[in-house]
């Protein structure tokens, strides 16, 4: 009986090495890649910022629509018309005193 040293097969070592390398590569891609976890966090942060900007812009549009409707031919707000005439044309009423 001869005693042989048992050593792992080279093919099995190569197989586990390749599997480990692929595991590391896929894990890195899942975390850092274009579709990874970190990119998802960035996209969610951008989404929140854009939603806030959208809310601000919608409020501005609503305000402008209100002003436009108040100056239309169907509905005339005399206070707004007076304010616009003063701002744009520099008009004043006859009973006012201008101090410069």
PDB file of N, CA and C in Angstrom:
ATOM      1  N   UNK A   1       0.822  -1.163   0.000  1.00  0.00           N
ATOM      2  CA  UNK A   1       0.000   0.000   0.000  1.00  0.00           C
ATOM      3  C   UNK A   1       0.882   1.247   0.000  1.00  0.00           C
ATOM      4  N   UNK A   2       0.642   2.001  -0.940  1.00  0.00           N
ATOM      5  CA  UNK A   2       1.391   3.246  -1.024  1.00  0.00           C
ATOM      6  C   UNK A   2       0.492   4.385  -0.547  1.00  0.00           C
ATOM      7  N   UNK A   3       1.078   5.263   0.133  1.00  0.00           N
ATOM      8  CA  UNK A   3       0.279   6.404   0.612  1.00  0.00           C
ATOM      9  C   UNK A   3       0.435   7.552  -0.372  1.00  0.00           C
ATOM     10  N   UNK A   4      -0.681   8.042  -0.802  1.00  0.00           N
ATOM     11  CA  UNK A   4      -0.687   9.170  -1.730  1.00  0.00           C
ATOM     12  C   UNK A   4      -1.233  10.395  -0.990  1.00  0.00           C
ATOM     13  N   UNK A   5      -0.591  11.457  -1.222  1.00  0.00           N
ATOM     14  CA  UNK A   5      -1.084  12.694  -0.624  1.00  0.00           C
ATOM     15  C   UNK A   5      -2.306  13.143  -1.406  1.00  0.00           C
ATOM     16  N   UNK A   6      -3.336  13.456  -0.684  1.00  0.00           N
ATOM     17  CA  UNK A   6      -4.554  13.901  -1.347  1.00  0.00           C
ATOM     18  C   UNK A   6      -4.491  15.421  -1.485  1.00  0.00           C
ATOM     19  N   UNK A   7      -4.539  15.865  -2.672  1.00  0.00           N
ATOM     20  CA  UNK A   7      -4.565  17.299  -2.917  1.00  0.00           C
ATOM     21  C   UNK A   7      -5.786  17.612  -3.779  1.00  0.00           C
ATOM     22  N   UNK A   8      -6.321  18.777  -3.634  1.00  0.00           N
ATOM     23  CA  UNK A   8      -7.517  19.105  -4.406  1.00  0.00           C
ATOM     24  C   UNK A   8      -7.203  19.135  -5.894  1.00  0.00           C
ATOM     25  N   UNK A   9      -8.153  18.783  -6.631  1.00  0.00           N
ATOM     26  CA  UNK A   9      -7.980  18.772  -8.081  1.00  0.00           C
ATOM     27  C   UNK A   9      -7.841  20.202  -8.585  1.00  0.00           C
ATOM     28  N   UNK A  10      -7.015  20.361  -9.555  1.00  0.00           N
ATOM     29  CA  UNK A  10      -6.783  21.687 -10.121  1.00  0.00           C
ATOM     30  C   UNK A  10      -8.047  22.227 -10.773  1.00  0.00           C
ATOM     31  N   UNK A  11      -8.831  21.371 -11.355  1.00  0.00           N
ATOM     32  CA  UNK A  11     -10.088  21.806 -11.989  1.00  0.00           C
ATOM     33  C   UNK A  11     -11.067  22.361 -10.975  1.00  0.00           C
ATOM     34  N   UNK A  12     -11.182  21.761  -9.804  1.00  0.00           N
ATOM     35  CA  UNK A  12     -12.096  22.247  -8.773  1.00  0.00           C
ATOM     36  C   UNK A  12     -11.637  23.603  -8.256  1.00  0.00           C
ATOM     37  N   UNK A  13     -10.329  23.776  -8.074  1.00  0.00           N
ATOM     38  CA  UNK A  13      -9.804  25.065  -7.623  1.00  0.00           C
ATOM     39  C   UNK A  13     -10.067  26.151  -8.661  1.00  0.00           C
ATOM     40  N   UNK A  14      -9.867  25.811  -9.905  1.00  0.00           N
ATOM     41  CA  UNK A  14     -10.121  26.763 -10.978  1.00  0.00           C
ATOM     42  C   UNK A  14     -11.602  27.119 -11.044  1.00  0.00           C
ATOM     43  N   UNK A  15     -12.467  26.132 -10.880  1.00  0.00           N
ATOM     44  CA  UNK A  15     -13.914  26.356 -10.902  1.00  0.00           C
ATOM     45  C   UNK A  15     -14.336  27.317  -9.787  1.00  0.00           C
ATOM     46  N   UNK A  16     -13.873  27.081  -8.558  1.00  0.00           N
ATOM     47  CA  UNK A  16     -14.240  27.954  -7.444  1.00  0.00           C
ATOM     48  C   UNK A  16     -13.615  29.340  -7.580  1.00  0.00           C
ATOM     49  N   UNK A  17     -12.453  29.417  -8.160  1.00  0.00           N
ATOM     50  CA  UNK A  17     -11.825  30.722  -8.399  1.00  0.00           C
ATOM     51  C   UNK A  17     -12.609  31.547  -9.391  1.00  0.00           C
ATOM     52  N   UNK A  18     -13.035  30.908 -10.497  1.00  0.00           N
ATOM     53  CA  UNK A  18     -13.828  31.613 -11.513  1.00  0.00           C
ATOM     54  C   UNK A  18     -15.178  32.023 -10.933  1.00  0.00           C
ATOM     55  N   UNK A  19     -15.818  31.126 -10.177  1.00  0.00           N
ATOM     56  CA  UNK A  19     -17.112  31.448  -9.559  1.00  0.00           C
ATOM     57  C   UNK A  19     -16.972  32.607  -8.575  1.00  0.00           C
ATOM     58  N   UNK A  20     -15.904  32.617  -7.803  1.00  0.00           N
ATOM     59  CA  UNK A  20     -15.676  33.713  -6.852  1.00  0.00           C
ATOM     60  C   UNK A  20     -15.461  35.027  -7.597  1.00  0.00           C
ATOM     61  N   UNK A  21     -14.671  35.008  -8.649  1.00  0.00           N
ATOM     62  CA  UNK A  21     -14.415  36.220  -9.430  1.00  0.00           C
ATOM     63  C   UNK A  21     -15.698  36.749 -10.054  1.00  0.00           C
ATOM     64  N   UNK A  22     -16.502  35.856 -10.621  1.00  0.00           N
ATOM     65  CA  UNK A  22     -17.773  36.282 -11.204  1.00  0.00           C
ATOM     66  C   UNK A  22     -18.706  36.843 -10.137  1.00  0.00           C
ATOM     67  N   UNK A  23     -18.714  36.222  -8.971  1.00  0.00           N
ATOM     68  CA  UNK A  23     -19.534  36.726  -7.871  1.00  0.00           C
ATOM     69  C   UNK A  23     -19.142  38.132  -7.460  1.00  0.00           C
ATOM     70  N   UNK A  24     -17.833  38.376  -7.385  1.00  0.00           N
ATOM     71  CA  UNK A  24     -17.347  39.710  -7.035  1.00  0.00           C
ATOM     72  C   UNK A  24     -17.726  40.718  -8.117  1.00  0.00           C
ATOM     73  N   UNK A  25     -17.565  40.349  -9.371  1.00  0.00           N
ATOM     74  CA  UNK A  25     -17.887  41.258 -10.477  1.00  0.00           C
ATOM     75  C   UNK A  25     -19.368  41.597 -10.482  1.00  0.00           C
ATOM     76  N   UNK A  26     -20.226  40.587 -10.341  1.00  0.00           N
ATOM     77  CA  UNK A  26     -21.671  40.841 -10.358  1.00  0.00           C
ATOM     78  C   UNK A  26     -22.124  41.625  -9.136  1.00  0.00           C
ATOM     79  N   UNK A  27     -21.512  41.380  -7.989  1.00  0.00           N
ATOM     80  CA  UNK A  27     -21.852  42.149  -6.786  1.00  0.00           C
ATOM     81  C   UNK A  27     -21.452  43.607  -6.957  1.00  0.00           C
ATOM     82  N   UNK A  28     -20.271  43.846  -7.503  1.00  0.00           N
ATOM     83  CA  UNK A  28     -19.828  45.213  -7.754  1.00  0.00           C
ATOM     84  C   UNK A  28     -20.770  45.914  -8.733  1.00  0.00           C
ATOM     85  N   UNK A  29     -21.165  45.208  -9.796  1.00  0.00           N
ATOM     86  CA  UNK A  29     -22.080  45.796 -10.779  1.00  0.00           C
ATOM     87  C   UNK A  29     -23.449  46.083 -10.161  1.00  0.00           C
ATOM     88  N   UNK A  30     -23.910  45.215  -9.262  1.00  0.00           N
ATOM     89  CA  UNK A  30     -25.216  45.414  -8.631  1.00  0.00           C
ATOM     90  C   UNK A  30     -25.204  46.611  -7.684  1.00  0.00           C
ATOM     91  N   UNK A  31     -24.040  46.939  -7.160  1.00  0.00           N
ATOM     92  CA  UNK A  31     -23.964  48.054  -6.219  1.00  0.00           C
ATOM     93  C   UNK A  31     -23.546  49.343  -6.927  1.00  0.00           C
ATOM     94  N   UNK A  32     -22.532  49.291  -7.774  1.00  0.00           N
ATOM     95  CA  UNK A  32     -21.955  50.485  -8.365  1.00  0.00           C
ATOM     96  C   UNK A  32     -22.347  50.728  -9.820  1.00  0.00           C
ATOM     97  N   UNK A  33     -22.940  49.802 -10.493  1.00  0.00           N
ATOM     98  CA  UNK A  33     -23.183  49.911 -11.931  1.00  0.00           C
ATOM     99  C   UNK A  33     -24.244  50.929 -12.310  1.00  0.00           C
ATOM    100  N   UNK A  34     -24.516  51.000 -13.615  1.00  0.00           N
ATOM    101  CA  UNK A  34     -25.508  51.938 -14.137  1.00  0.00           C
ATOM    102  C   UNK A  34     -26.902  51.678 -13.577  1.00  0.00           C
ATOM    103  N   UNK A  35     -27.194  50.461 -13.261  1.00  0.00           N
ATOM    104  CA  UNK A  35     -28.508  50.098 -12.726  1.00  0.00           C
ATOM    105  C   UNK A  35     -28.378  49.608 -11.280  1.00  0.00           C
ATOM    106  N   UNK A  36     -27.330  50.031 -10.593  1.00  0.00           N
ATOM    107  CA  UNK A  36     -27.040  49.543  -9.247  1.00  0.00           C
ATOM    108  C   UNK A  36     -27.797  50.284  -8.165  1.00  0.00           C
ATOM    109  N   UNK A  37     -27.505  49.899  -6.949  1.00  0.00           N
ATOM    110  CA  UNK A  37     -28.183  50.450  -5.784  1.00  0.00           C
ATOM    111  C   UNK A  37     -27.872  51.933  -5.616  1.00  0.00           C
ATOM    112  N   UNK A  38     -26.610  52.323  -5.770  1.00  0.00           N
ATOM    113  CA  UNK A  38     -26.239  53.725  -5.592  1.00  0.00           C
ATOM    114  C   UNK A  38     -26.894  54.605  -6.650  1.00  0.00           C
ATOM    115  N   UNK A  39     -26.976  54.117  -7.861  1.00  0.00           N
ATOM    116  CA  UNK A  39     -27.630  54.894  -8.932  1.00  0.00           C
ATOM    117  C   UNK A  39     -29.111  55.055  -8.632  1.00  0.00           C
ATOM    118  N   UNK A  40     -29.721  54.038  -8.056  1.00  0.00           N
ATOM    119  CA  UNK A  40     -31.136  54.107  -7.695  1.00  0.00           C
ATOM    120  C   UNK A  40     -31.366  55.186  -6.630  1.00  0.00           C
ATOM    121  N   UNK A  41     -30.457  55.281  -5.664  1.00  0.00           N
ATOM    122  CA  UNK A  41     -30.565  56.311  -4.629  1.00  0.00           C
ATOM    123  C   UNK A  41     -30.439  57.701  -5.254  1.00  0.00           C
ATOM    124  N   UNK A  42     -29.510  57.865  -6.191  1.00  0.00           N
ATOM    125  CA  UNK A  42     -29.360  59.150  -6.885  1.00  0.00           C
ATOM    126  C   UNK A  42     -30.625  59.511  -7.652  1.00  0.00           C
ATOM    127  N   UNK A  43     -31.207  58.547  -8.326  1.00  0.00           N
ATOM    128  CA  UNK A  43     -32.427  58.794  -9.099  1.00  0.00           C
ATOM    129  C   UNK A  43     -33.578  59.180  -8.181  1.00  0.00           C
ATOM    130  N   UNK A  44     -33.698  58.516  -7.039  1.00  0.00           N
ATOM    131  CA  UNK A  44     -34.757  58.866  -6.086  1.00  0.00           C
ATOM    132  C   UNK A  44     -34.573  60.277  -5.541  1.00  0.00           C
ATOM    133  N   UNK A  45     -33.327  60.670  -5.270  1.00  0.00           N
ATOM    134  CA  UNK A  45     -33.062  62.028  -4.787  1.00  0.00           C
ATOM    135  C   UNK A  45     -33.399  63.056  -5.862  1.00  0.00           C
ATOM    136  N   UNK A  46     -33.043  62.768  -7.111  1.00  0.00           N
ATOM    137  CA  UNK A  46     -33.385  63.660  -8.221  1.00  0.00           C
ATOM    138  C   UNK A  46     -34.896  63.765  -8.386  1.00  0.00           C
ATOM    139  N   UNK A  47     -35.586  62.659  -8.202  1.00  0.00           N
ATOM    140  CA  UNK A  47     -37.041  62.637  -8.330  1.00  0.00           C
ATOM    141  C   UNK A  47     -37.690  63.563  -7.303  1.00  0.00           C
ATOM    142  N   UNK A  48     -37.213  63.500  -6.058  1.00  0.00           N
ATOM    143  CA  UNK A  48     -37.776  64.351  -5.004  1.00  0.00           C
ATOM    144  C   UNK A  48     -37.517  65.822  -5.317  1.00  0.00           C
ATOM    145  N   UNK A  49     -36.306  66.144  -5.760  1.00  0.00           N
ATOM    146  CA  UNK A  49     -35.972  67.532  -6.089  1.00  0.00           C
ATOM    147  C   UNK A  49     -36.810  68.040  -7.251  1.00  0.00           C
ATOM    148  N   UNK A  50     -37.007  67.204  -8.261  1.00  0.00           N
ATOM    149  CA  UNK A  50     -37.808  67.615  -9.418  1.00  0.00           C
ATOM    150  C   UNK A  50     -39.279  67.754  -9.069  1.00  0.00           C
ATOM    151  N   UNK A  51     -39.775  66.919  -8.158  1.00  0.00           N
ATOM    152  CA  UNK A  51     -41.171  67.054  -7.725  1.00  0.00           C
ATOM    153  C   UNK A  51     -41.378  68.364  -6.970  1.00  0.00           C
ATOM    154  N   UNK A  52     -40.402  68.752  -6.154  1.00  0.00           N
ATOM    155  CA  UNK A  52     -40.504  70.030  -5.444  1.00  0.00           C
ATOM    156  C   UNK A  52     -40.469  71.197  -6.425  1.00  0.00           C
ATOM    157  N   UNK A  53     -39.601  71.112  -7.412  1.00  0.00           N
ATOM    158  CA  UNK A  53     -39.529  72.162  -8.425  1.00  0.00           C
ATOM    159  C   UNK A  53     -40.827  72.234  -9.219  1.00  0.00           C
ATOM    160  N   UNK A  54     -41.402  71.079  -9.527  1.00  0.00           N
ATOM    161  CA  UNK A  54     -42.674  71.038 -10.242  1.00  0.00           C
ATOM    162  C   UNK A  54     -43.775  71.698  -9.428  1.00  0.00           C
ATOM    163  N   UNK A  55     -43.812  71.451  -8.122  1.00  0.00           N
ATOM    164  CA  UNK A  55     -44.839  72.067  -7.274  1.00  0.00           C
ATOM    165  C   UNK A  55     -44.703  73.586  -7.261  1.00  0.00           C
ATOM    166  N   UNK A  56     -43.454  74.076  -7.209  1.00  0.00           N
ATOM    167  CA  UNK A  56     -43.228  75.521  -7.230  1.00  0.00           C
ATOM    168  C   UNK A  56     -43.686  76.110  -8.562  1.00  0.00           C
ATOM    169  N   UNK A  57     -43.346  75.437  -9.654  1.00  0.00           N
ATOM    170  CA  UNK A  57     -43.729  75.935 -10.982  1.00  0.00           C
ATOM    171  C   UNK A  57     -45.239  75.882 -11.191  1.00  0.00           C
ATOM    172  N   UNK A  58     -45.899  74.853 -10.678  1.00  0.00           N
ATOM    173  CA  UNK A  58     -47.357  74.774 -10.802  1.00  0.00           C
ATOM    174  C   UNK A  58     -48.025  75.893 -10.011  1.00  0.00           C
ATOM    175  N   UNK A  59     -47.490  76.223  -8.841  1.00  0.00           N
ATOM    176  CA  UNK A  59     -48.039  77.339  -8.069  1.00  0.00           C
ATOM    177  C   UNK A  59     -47.859  78.651  -8.818  1.00  0.00           C
ATOM    178  N   UNK A  60     -46.714  78.814  -9.467  1.00  0.00           N
ATOM    179  CA  UNK A  60     -46.470  80.023 -10.259  1.00  0.00           C
ATOM    180  C   UNK A  60     -47.426  80.106 -11.447  1.00  0.00           C
ATOM    181  N   UNK A  61     -47.651  78.992 -12.106  1.00  0.00           N
ATOM    182  CA  UNK A  61     -48.577  78.968 -13.240  1.00  0.00           C
ATOM    183  C   UNK A  61     -49.994  79.291 -12.778  1.00  0.00           C
ATOM    184  N   UNK A  62     -50.393  78.746 -11.642  1.00  0.00           N
ATOM    185  CA  UNK A  62     -51.721  79.033 -11.104  1.00  0.00           C
ATOM    186  C   UNK A  62     -51.868  80.513 -10.786  1.00  0.00           C
ATOM    187  N   UNK A  63     -50.833  81.109 -10.210  1.00  0.00           N
ATOM    188  CA  UNK A  63     -50.871  82.543  -9.905  1.00  0.00           C
ATOM    189  C   UNK A  63     -50.982  83.372 -11.179  1.00  0.00           C
ATOM    190  N   UNK A  64     -50.201  82.990 -12.204  1.00  0.00           N
ATOM    191  CA  UNK A  64     -50.256  83.727 -13.476  1.00  0.00           C
ATOM    192  C   UNK A  64     -51.608  83.570 -14.165  1.00  0.00           C
ATOM    193  N   UNK A  65     -52.179  82.365 -14.098  1.00  0.00           N
ATOM    194  CA  UNK A  65     -53.499  82.159 -14.686  1.00  0.00           C
ATOM    195  C   UNK A  65     -54.541  83.011 -13.977  1.00  0.00           C
ATOM    196  N   UNK A  66     -54.416  83.140 -12.666  1.00  0.00           N
ATOM    197  CA  UNK A  66     -55.342  83.970 -11.904  1.00  0.00           C
ATOM    198  C   UNK A  66     -55.225  85.437 -12.320  1.00  0.00           C
ATOM    199  N   UNK A  67     -53.982  85.915 -12.442  1.00  0.00           N
ATOM    200  CA  UNK A  67     -53.788  87.300 -12.871  1.00  0.00           C
ATOM    201  C   UNK A  67     -54.307  87.527 -14.281  1.00  0.00           C
ATOM    202  N   UNK A  68     -54.062  86.582 -15.150  1.00  0.00           N
ATOM    203  CA  UNK A  68     -54.538  86.704 -16.535  1.00  0.00           C
ATOM    204  C   UNK A  68     -56.059  86.722 -16.590  1.00  0.00           C
ATOM    205  N   UNK A  69     -56.681  85.863 -15.815  1.00  0.00           N
ATOM    206  CA  UNK A  69     -58.144  85.812 -15.791  1.00  0.00           C
ATOM    207  C   UNK A  69     -58.701  87.106 -15.209  1.00  0.00           C
ATOM    208  N   UNK A  70     -58.018  87.696 -14.219  1.00  0.00           N
ATOM    209  CA  UNK A  70     -58.502  88.927 -13.608  1.00  0.00           C
ATOM    210  C   UNK A  70     -58.359  90.127 -14.528  1.00  0.00           C
ATOM    211  N   UNK A  71     -57.491  90.038 -15.525  1.00  0.00           N
ATOM    212  CA  UNK A  71     -57.338  91.134 -16.480  1.00  0.00           C
ATOM    213  C   UNK A  71     -58.051  90.863 -17.810  1.00  0.00           C
ATOM    214  N   UNK A  72     -58.823  89.796 -17.899  1.00  0.00           N
ATOM    215  CA  UNK A  72     -59.489  89.462 -19.159  1.00  0.00           C
ATOM    216  C   UNK A  72     -60.697  90.374 -19.390  1.00  0.00           C
ATOM    217  N   UNK A  73     -61.257  90.310 -20.586  1.00  0.00           N
ATOM    218  CA  UNK A  73     -62.410  91.132 -20.933  1.00  0.00           C
ATOM    219  C   UNK A  73     -63.672  90.691 -20.186  1.00  0.00           C
ATOM    220  N   UNK A  74     -63.756  89.407 -19.867  1.00  0.00           N
ATOM    221  CA  UNK A  74     -64.944  88.896 -19.186  1.00  0.00           C
ATOM    222  C   UNK A  74     -64.976  89.288 -17.711  1.00  0.00           C
ATOM    223  N   UNK A  75     -63.841  89.443 -17.098  1.00  0.00           N
ATOM    224  CA  UNK A  75     -63.757  89.731 -15.670  1.00  0.00           C
ATOM    225  C   UNK A  75     -62.659  90.750 -15.486  1.00  0.00           C
ATOM    226  N   UNK A  76     -63.024  91.939 -15.052  1.00  0.00           N
ATOM    227  CA  UNK A  76     -62.035  92.998 -14.907  1.00  0.00           C
ATOM    228  C   UNK A  76     -61.909  93.387 -13.444  1.00  0.00           C
ATOM    229  N   UNK A  77     -60.739  93.193 -12.888  1.00  0.00           N
ATOM    230  CA  UNK A  77     -60.455  93.575 -11.509  1.00  0.00           C
ATOM    231  C   UNK A  77     -59.852  94.976 -11.546  1.00  0.00           C
ATOM    232  N   UNK A  78     -60.593  95.956 -11.065  1.00  0.00           N
ATOM    233  CA  UNK A  78     -60.150  97.344 -11.152  1.00  0.00           C
ATOM    234  C   UNK A  78     -58.910  97.610 -10.300  1.00  0.00           C
ATOM    235  N   UNK A  79     -58.799  96.940  -9.164  1.00  0.00           N
ATOM    236  CA  UNK A  79     -57.608  97.132  -8.330  1.00  0.00           C
ATOM    237  C   UNK A  79     -56.355  96.631  -9.044  1.00  0.00           C
ATOM    238  N   UNK A  80     -56.453  95.498  -9.694  1.00  0.00           N
ATOM    239  CA  UNK A  80     -55.309  94.959 -10.420  1.00  0.00           C
ATOM    240  C   UNK A  80     -54.984  95.833 -11.629  1.00  0.00           C
ATOM    241  N   UNK A  81     -56.001  96.327 -12.295  1.00  0.00           N
ATOM    242  CA  UNK A  81     -55.783  97.211 -13.442  1.00  0.00           C
ATOM    243  C   UNK A  81     -55.089  98.491 -12.987  1.00  0.00           C
ATOM    244  N   UNK A  82     -55.532  99.035 -11.863  1.00  0.00           N
ATOM    245  CA  UNK A  82     -54.908 100.238 -11.315  1.00  0.00           C
ATOM    246  C   UNK A  82     -53.444  99.977 -10.952  1.00  0.00           C
ATOM    247  N   UNK A  83     -53.178  98.839 -10.347  1.00  0.00           N
ATOM    248  CA  UNK A  83     -51.809  98.497  -9.971  1.00  0.00           C
ATOM    249  C   UNK A  83     -50.925  98.341 -11.206  1.00  0.00           C
ATOM    250  N   UNK A  84     -51.438  97.676 -12.238  1.00  0.00           N
ATOM    251  CA  UNK A  84     -50.650  97.492 -13.460  1.00  0.00           C
ATOM    252  C   UNK A  84     -50.407  98.826 -14.156  1.00  0.00           C
ATOM    253  N   UNK A  85     -51.400  99.712 -14.174  1.00  0.00           N
ATOM    254  CA  UNK A  85     -51.213 101.024 -14.800  1.00  0.00           C
ATOM    255  C   UNK A  85     -50.158 101.827 -14.061  1.00  0.00           C
ATOM    256  N   UNK A  86     -50.143 101.727 -12.757  1.00  0.00           N
ATOM    257  CA  UNK A  86     -49.135 102.438 -11.974  1.00  0.00           C
ATOM    258  C   UNK A  86     -47.740 101.866 -12.223  1.00  0.00           C
ATOM    259  N   UNK A  87     -47.632 100.542 -12.226  1.00  0.00           N
ATOM    260  CA  UNK A  87     -46.319  99.910 -12.392  1.00  0.00           C
ATOM    261  C   UNK A  87     -45.760 100.080 -13.799  1.00  0.00           C
ATOM    262  N   UNK A  88     -46.583  99.801 -14.788  1.00  0.00           N
ATOM    263  CA  UNK A  88     -46.087  99.783 -16.166  1.00  0.00           C
ATOM    264  C   UNK A  88     -46.016 101.185 -16.764  1.00  0.00           C
ATOM    265  N   UNK A  89     -47.077 101.949 -16.600  1.00  0.00           N
ATOM    266  CA  UNK A  89     -47.148 103.256 -17.246  1.00  0.00           C
ATOM    267  C   UNK A  89     -46.689 104.403 -16.363  1.00  0.00           C
ATOM    268  N   UNK A  90     -46.569 104.166 -15.081  1.00  0.00           N
ATOM    269  CA  UNK A  90     -46.149 105.223 -14.173  1.00  0.00           C
ATOM    270  C   UNK A  90     -47.250 106.233 -13.920  1.00  0.00           C
ATOM    271  N   UNK A  91     -48.501 105.823 -14.019  1.00  0.00           N
ATOM    272  CA  UNK A  91     -49.624 106.740 -13.826  1.00  0.00           C
ATOM    273  C   UNK A  91     -49.920 106.930 -12.348  1.00  0.00           C
ATOM    274  N   UNK A  92     -50.481 108.112 -12.036  1.00  0.00           N
ATOM    275  CA  UNK A  92     -50.951 108.374 -10.685  1.00  0.00           C
ATOM    276  C   UNK A  92     -52.320 109.035 -10.787  1.00  0.00           C
ATOM    277  N   UNK A  93     -53.056 108.990  -9.670  1.00  0.00           N
ATOM    278  CA  UNK A  93     -54.361 109.653  -9.653  1.00  0.00           C
ATOM    279  C   UNK A  93     -54.164 111.141  -9.369  1.00  0.00           C
ATOM    280  N   UNK A  94     -55.202 111.905  -9.659  1.00  0.00           N
ATOM    281  CA  UNK A  94     -55.074 113.372  -9.511  1.00  0.00           C
ATOM    282  C   UNK A  94     -55.029 113.806  -8.050  1.00  0.00           C
ATOM    283  N   UNK A  95     -55.547 112.966  -7.154  1.00  0.00           N
ATOM    284  CA  UNK A  95     -55.555 113.358  -5.750  1.00  0.00           C
ATOM    285  C   UNK A  95     -54.330 112.835  -4.980  1.00  0.00           C
ATOM    286  N   UNK A  96     -53.346 112.291  -5.651  1.00  0.00           N
ATOM    287  CA  UNK A  96     -52.167 111.752  -4.994  1.00  0.00           C
ATOM    288  C   UNK A  96     -50.996 112.715  -5.092  1.00  0.00           C
ATOM    289  N   UNK A  97     -50.115 112.619  -4.119  1.00  0.00           N
ATOM    290  CA  UNK A  97     -48.900 113.442  -4.112  1.00  0.00           C
ATOM    291  C   UNK A  97     -47.720 112.481  -4.268  1.00  0.00           C
ATOM    292  N   UNK A  98     -46.838 112.762  -5.201  1.00  0.00           N
ATOM    293  CA  UNK A  98     -45.673 111.932  -5.454  1.00  0.00           C
ATOM    294  C   UNK A  98     -44.477 112.524  -4.754  1.00  0.00           C
ATOM    295  N   UNK A  99     -43.818 111.704  -3.933  1.00  0.00           N
ATOM    296  CA  UNK A  99     -42.618 112.142  -3.233  1.00  0.00           C
ATOM    297  C   UNK A  99     -41.443 111.372  -3.803  1.00  0.00           C
ATOM    298  N   UNK A 100     -40.437 112.089  -4.260  1.00  0.00           N
ATOM    299  CA  UNK A 100     -39.274 111.433  -4.846  1.00  0.00           C
ATOM    300  C   UNK A 100     -38.062 111.606  -3.991  1.00  0.00           C
TER     301      UNK A 100
END
